[in-house]
Amino acid sequence: MNVAVDRSSAADSNELEAFIDSLTDEDKMLLRLREELYEGRWDAMLADLNDRLGGKPYIFRLASRIQDDIARVERLSRFERKNGINLATALWPDEYGR
C-alpha cells in the first residue's frame, strides 16, 4: 500500500506501512468515525463507548462488541501517539489531510 506519510514524523515508514496493512475493516471504521463524529479525538470516542457500556446516553450505536472496539481504539491511539501521526490522514489524505 502506498501511504501518504510526512517524512518529518517520528514514524518509520516501513513500520507505518506494516501497521496500516494490518488494519481491519473495523479499525478503519473506527478511524473514520473518530474523524467524522469526534473531531479526531480518541478520548471523546472512548468516553462515548464507556457511557454506552454503563447504560448512559451515547451518541451512536456500534456493534455489540463495544469492549473489542475499546481495545481497538486504545491500540490505534497508542500507535498514533508513539509515532506522532494521524492514521486517518495517512490512509485517506484527500479526505482528512490537514
N, C-alpha and C. Protein backbone atom coordinates (compact mmCIF):
# COMPACT_ATOMS: atom_id res chain seq x y z
N MET A 1 0.85 -1.17 0.00
CA MET A 1 0.00 0.00 0.00
C MET A 1 0.89 1.23 0.00
N ASN A 2 0.54 2.19 -0.82
CA ASN A 2 1.26 3.45 -0.85
C ASN A 2 0.56 4.42 0.08
N VAL A 3 1.23 4.81 1.15
CA VAL A 3 0.64 5.61 2.20
C VAL A 3 1.25 7.00 2.20
N ALA A 4 0.41 8.01 2.32
CA ALA A 4 0.91 9.38 2.43
C ALA A 4 1.49 9.56 3.82
N VAL A 5 2.78 9.82 3.89
CA VAL A 5 3.46 9.93 5.17
C VAL A 5 4.29 11.20 5.19
N ASP A 6 4.17 11.96 6.26
CA ASP A 6 5.04 13.11 6.48
C ASP A 6 6.39 12.57 6.89
N ARG A 7 7.39 12.73 6.04
CA ARG A 7 8.71 12.16 6.30
C ARG A 7 9.39 12.79 7.52
N SER A 8 8.89 13.92 8.00
CA SER A 8 9.48 14.52 9.20
C SER A 8 8.92 13.90 10.47
N SER A 9 7.90 13.02 10.33
CA SER A 9 7.32 12.39 11.51
C SER A 9 8.27 11.37 12.08
N ALA A 10 7.98 10.97 13.32
CA ALA A 10 8.83 10.01 14.02
C ALA A 10 8.60 8.59 13.54
N ALA A 11 7.54 8.37 12.79
CA ALA A 11 7.20 7.01 12.36
C ALA A 11 8.15 6.53 11.28
N ASP A 12 8.68 5.35 11.45
CA ASP A 12 9.45 4.69 10.42
C ASP A 12 8.47 4.27 9.34
N SER A 13 8.73 4.62 8.09
CA SER A 13 7.76 4.36 7.03
C SER A 13 7.45 2.88 6.87
N ASN A 14 8.42 2.00 7.07
CA ASN A 14 8.15 0.56 6.98
C ASN A 14 7.21 0.12 8.09
N GLU A 15 7.45 0.61 9.31
CA GLU A 15 6.58 0.26 10.43
C GLU A 15 5.17 0.78 10.18
N LEU A 16 5.07 2.01 9.67
CA LEU A 16 3.77 2.60 9.39
C LEU A 16 3.03 1.79 8.33
N GLU A 17 3.69 1.48 7.24
CA GLU A 17 3.03 0.71 6.19
C GLU A 17 2.60 -0.66 6.68
N ALA A 18 3.45 -1.31 7.49
CA ALA A 18 3.10 -2.63 8.04
C ALA A 18 1.88 -2.51 8.95
N PHE A 19 1.85 -1.46 9.78
CA PHE A 19 0.72 -1.27 10.69
C PHE A 19 -0.55 -1.01 9.89
N ILE A 20 -0.47 -0.14 8.91
CA ILE A 20 -1.65 0.19 8.10
C ILE A 20 -2.14 -1.05 7.35
N ASP A 21 -1.23 -1.84 6.83
CA ASP A 21 -1.62 -3.07 6.14
C ASP A 21 -2.33 -4.05 7.09
N SER A 22 -2.04 -3.96 8.39
CA SER A 22 -2.65 -4.88 9.36
C SER A 22 -4.03 -4.42 9.83
N LEU A 23 -4.44 -3.20 9.46
CA LEU A 23 -5.72 -2.68 9.94
C LEU A 23 -6.88 -3.46 9.35
N THR A 24 -7.83 -3.79 10.22
CA THR A 24 -9.04 -4.49 9.80
C THR A 24 -10.08 -3.46 9.34
N ASP A 25 -11.15 -3.97 8.74
CA ASP A 25 -12.25 -3.07 8.37
C ASP A 25 -12.82 -2.37 9.60
N GLU A 26 -12.86 -3.09 10.73
CA GLU A 26 -13.36 -2.49 11.97
C GLU A 26 -12.45 -1.35 12.43
N ASP A 27 -11.12 -1.54 12.32
CA ASP A 27 -10.17 -0.48 12.68
C ASP A 27 -10.42 0.76 11.83
N LYS A 28 -10.57 0.54 10.53
CA LYS A 28 -10.76 1.66 9.61
C LYS A 28 -12.08 2.37 9.88
N MET A 29 -13.12 1.59 10.23
CA MET A 29 -14.40 2.20 10.57
C MET A 29 -14.24 3.12 11.78
N LEU A 30 -13.51 2.65 12.79
CA LEU A 30 -13.31 3.48 13.99
C LEU A 30 -12.51 4.73 13.66
N LEU A 31 -11.53 4.64 12.80
CA LEU A 31 -10.77 5.83 12.39
C LEU A 31 -11.69 6.85 11.70
N ARG A 32 -12.52 6.37 10.81
CA ARG A 32 -13.45 7.28 10.12
C ARG A 32 -14.45 7.91 11.10
N LEU A 33 -15.00 7.08 12.01
CA LEU A 33 -15.94 7.60 12.99
C LEU A 33 -15.28 8.64 13.89
N ARG A 34 -14.05 8.38 14.29
CA ARG A 34 -13.33 9.35 15.11
C ARG A 34 -13.22 10.69 14.40
N GLU A 35 -12.87 10.65 13.11
CA GLU A 35 -12.73 11.89 12.35
C GLU A 35 -14.07 12.58 12.14
N GLU A 36 -15.10 11.81 11.80
CA GLU A 36 -16.39 12.39 11.44
C GLU A 36 -17.24 12.81 12.64
N LEU A 37 -17.26 12.00 13.70
CA LEU A 37 -18.15 12.27 14.82
C LEU A 37 -17.48 12.89 16.03
N TYR A 38 -16.18 12.70 16.16
CA TYR A 38 -15.50 13.11 17.39
C TYR A 38 -14.36 14.10 17.14
N GLU A 39 -14.39 14.76 15.98
CA GLU A 39 -13.41 15.79 15.65
C GLU A 39 -11.97 15.30 15.85
N GLY A 40 -11.72 14.03 15.50
CA GLY A 40 -10.38 13.48 15.58
C GLY A 40 -9.91 13.12 16.98
N ARG A 41 -10.81 13.04 17.95
CA ARG A 41 -10.44 12.82 19.35
C ARG A 41 -10.79 11.42 19.82
N TRP A 42 -9.74 10.65 20.15
CA TRP A 42 -9.96 9.32 20.71
C TRP A 42 -10.63 9.39 22.08
N ASP A 43 -10.26 10.38 22.88
CA ASP A 43 -10.81 10.45 24.24
C ASP A 43 -12.32 10.63 24.21
N ALA A 44 -12.84 11.40 23.27
CA ALA A 44 -14.29 11.59 23.17
C ALA A 44 -14.97 10.29 22.74
N MET A 45 -14.34 9.56 21.84
CA MET A 45 -14.92 8.29 21.40
C MET A 45 -14.92 7.28 22.53
N LEU A 46 -13.82 7.19 23.27
CA LEU A 46 -13.75 6.26 24.40
C LEU A 46 -14.79 6.61 25.47
N ALA A 47 -14.96 7.90 25.73
CA ALA A 47 -15.97 8.31 26.71
C ALA A 47 -17.36 7.88 26.25
N ASP A 48 -17.64 8.04 24.98
CA ASP A 48 -18.93 7.63 24.43
C ASP A 48 -19.13 6.12 24.55
N LEU A 49 -18.12 5.34 24.21
CA LEU A 49 -18.23 3.88 24.32
C LEU A 49 -18.41 3.44 25.77
N ASN A 50 -17.67 4.06 26.67
CA ASN A 50 -17.80 3.71 28.08
C ASN A 50 -19.16 4.11 28.63
N ASP A 51 -19.70 5.24 28.17
CA ASP A 51 -21.05 5.64 28.58
C ASP A 51 -22.06 4.60 28.12
N ARG A 52 -21.88 4.10 26.91
CA ARG A 52 -22.79 3.08 26.39
C ARG A 52 -22.71 1.82 27.25
N LEU A 53 -21.49 1.41 27.60
CA LEU A 53 -21.34 0.24 28.45
C LEU A 53 -22.01 0.45 29.80
N GLY A 54 -21.96 1.67 30.32
CA GLY A 54 -22.55 1.98 31.61
C GLY A 54 -24.04 2.29 31.55
N GLY A 55 -24.63 2.16 30.38
CA GLY A 55 -26.06 2.40 30.24
C GLY A 55 -26.42 3.87 30.20
N LYS A 56 -25.45 4.74 30.03
CA LYS A 56 -25.70 6.18 29.96
C LYS A 56 -26.02 6.56 28.51
N PRO A 57 -26.50 7.79 28.30
CA PRO A 57 -26.76 8.23 26.92
C PRO A 57 -25.47 8.20 26.10
N TYR A 58 -25.61 7.88 24.84
CA TYR A 58 -24.45 7.78 23.96
C TYR A 58 -24.82 8.35 22.60
N ILE A 59 -23.80 8.64 21.79
CA ILE A 59 -24.01 9.31 20.51
C ILE A 59 -24.50 8.36 19.43
N PHE A 60 -23.87 7.23 19.27
CA PHE A 60 -24.28 6.31 18.22
C PHE A 60 -24.11 4.88 18.69
N ARG A 61 -24.71 3.97 17.94
CA ARG A 61 -24.64 2.57 18.32
C ARG A 61 -23.63 1.84 17.44
N LEU A 62 -22.60 1.33 18.06
CA LEU A 62 -21.65 0.49 17.36
C LEU A 62 -22.12 -0.95 17.45
N ALA A 63 -21.35 -1.84 16.89
CA ALA A 63 -21.64 -3.26 17.01
C ALA A 63 -21.69 -3.63 18.48
N SER A 64 -22.25 -4.78 18.77
CA SER A 64 -22.40 -5.20 20.16
C SER A 64 -21.05 -5.51 20.81
N ARG A 65 -19.97 -5.44 20.06
CA ARG A 65 -18.65 -5.75 20.59
C ARG A 65 -17.95 -4.48 21.10
N ILE A 66 -18.57 -3.76 21.97
CA ILE A 66 -18.02 -2.49 22.43
C ILE A 66 -16.65 -2.68 23.09
N GLN A 67 -16.51 -3.69 23.87
CA GLN A 67 -15.21 -3.90 24.53
C GLN A 67 -14.12 -4.17 23.50
N ASP A 68 -14.45 -4.87 22.42
CA ASP A 68 -13.48 -5.07 21.34
C ASP A 68 -13.14 -3.75 20.68
N ASP A 69 -14.15 -2.91 20.48
CA ASP A 69 -13.92 -1.60 19.87
C ASP A 69 -13.05 -0.73 20.77
N ILE A 70 -13.27 -0.79 22.07
CA ILE A 70 -12.44 -0.02 23.00
C ILE A 70 -10.99 -0.49 22.89
N ALA A 71 -10.77 -1.79 22.82
CA ALA A 71 -9.41 -2.32 22.68
C ALA A 71 -8.79 -1.84 21.37
N ARG A 72 -9.58 -1.81 20.29
CA ARG A 72 -9.08 -1.31 19.01
C ARG A 72 -8.69 0.16 19.11
N VAL A 73 -9.57 0.95 19.71
CA VAL A 73 -9.30 2.39 19.86
C VAL A 73 -8.00 2.59 20.64
N GLU A 74 -7.84 1.86 21.72
CA GLU A 74 -6.62 2.00 22.53
C GLU A 74 -5.38 1.63 21.73
N ARG A 75 -5.45 0.57 20.90
CA ARG A 75 -4.31 0.15 20.09
C ARG A 75 -3.99 1.20 19.02
N LEU A 76 -5.01 1.69 18.33
CA LEU A 76 -4.80 2.71 17.30
C LEU A 76 -4.26 4.00 17.90
N SER A 77 -4.84 4.41 19.01
CA SER A 77 -4.40 5.62 19.69
C SER A 77 -2.95 5.51 20.16
N ARG A 78 -2.61 4.37 20.73
CA ARG A 78 -1.24 4.14 21.20
C ARG A 78 -0.25 4.23 20.03
N PHE A 79 -0.57 3.64 18.89
CA PHE A 79 0.31 3.70 17.72
C PHE A 79 0.47 5.14 17.24
N GLU A 80 -0.64 5.89 17.19
CA GLU A 80 -0.56 7.28 16.75
C GLU A 80 0.31 8.12 17.69
N ARG A 81 0.11 7.95 18.98
CA ARG A 81 0.91 8.72 19.96
C ARG A 81 2.38 8.36 19.85
N LYS A 82 2.68 7.08 19.77
CA LYS A 82 4.06 6.60 19.71
C LYS A 82 4.77 7.16 18.48
N ASN A 83 4.05 7.26 17.37
CA ASN A 83 4.68 7.65 16.11
C ASN A 83 4.37 9.07 15.67
N GLY A 84 3.58 9.79 16.45
CA GLY A 84 3.28 11.18 16.14
C GLY A 84 2.57 11.37 14.81
N ILE A 85 1.61 10.49 14.52
CA ILE A 85 0.90 10.59 13.25
C ILE A 85 -0.60 10.49 13.46
N ASN A 86 -1.35 10.80 12.41
CA ASN A 86 -2.79 10.60 12.37
C ASN A 86 -3.03 9.54 11.30
N LEU A 87 -3.49 8.37 11.68
CA LEU A 87 -3.69 7.28 10.73
C LEU A 87 -4.74 7.61 9.68
N ALA A 88 -5.77 8.36 10.03
CA ALA A 88 -6.79 8.73 9.05
C ALA A 88 -6.17 9.59 7.95
N THR A 89 -5.29 10.50 8.31
CA THR A 89 -4.60 11.33 7.33
C THR A 89 -3.69 10.48 6.45
N ALA A 90 -3.04 9.48 7.05
CA ALA A 90 -2.15 8.60 6.28
C ALA A 90 -2.95 7.72 5.33
N LEU A 91 -4.11 7.23 5.77
CA LEU A 91 -4.93 6.36 4.93
C LEU A 91 -5.70 7.12 3.86
N TRP A 92 -6.28 8.25 4.22
CA TRP A 92 -7.14 9.00 3.32
C TRP A 92 -6.73 10.47 3.29
N PRO A 93 -5.56 10.80 2.74
CA PRO A 93 -5.07 12.19 2.78
C PRO A 93 -5.99 13.19 2.08
N ASP A 94 -6.70 12.76 1.05
CA ASP A 94 -7.60 13.68 0.36
C ASP A 94 -8.82 14.06 1.21
N GLU A 95 -9.22 13.15 2.09
CA GLU A 95 -10.38 13.42 2.93
C GLU A 95 -10.02 14.10 4.25
N TYR A 96 -8.92 13.66 4.88
CA TYR A 96 -8.61 14.12 6.22
C TYR A 96 -7.28 14.84 6.33
N GLY A 97 -6.60 15.04 5.21
CA GLY A 97 -5.34 15.77 5.25
C GLY A 97 -5.56 17.17 5.77
N ARG A 98 -4.64 17.58 6.62
CA ARG A 98 -4.82 18.91 7.25
C ARG A 98 -3.65 19.78 6.91
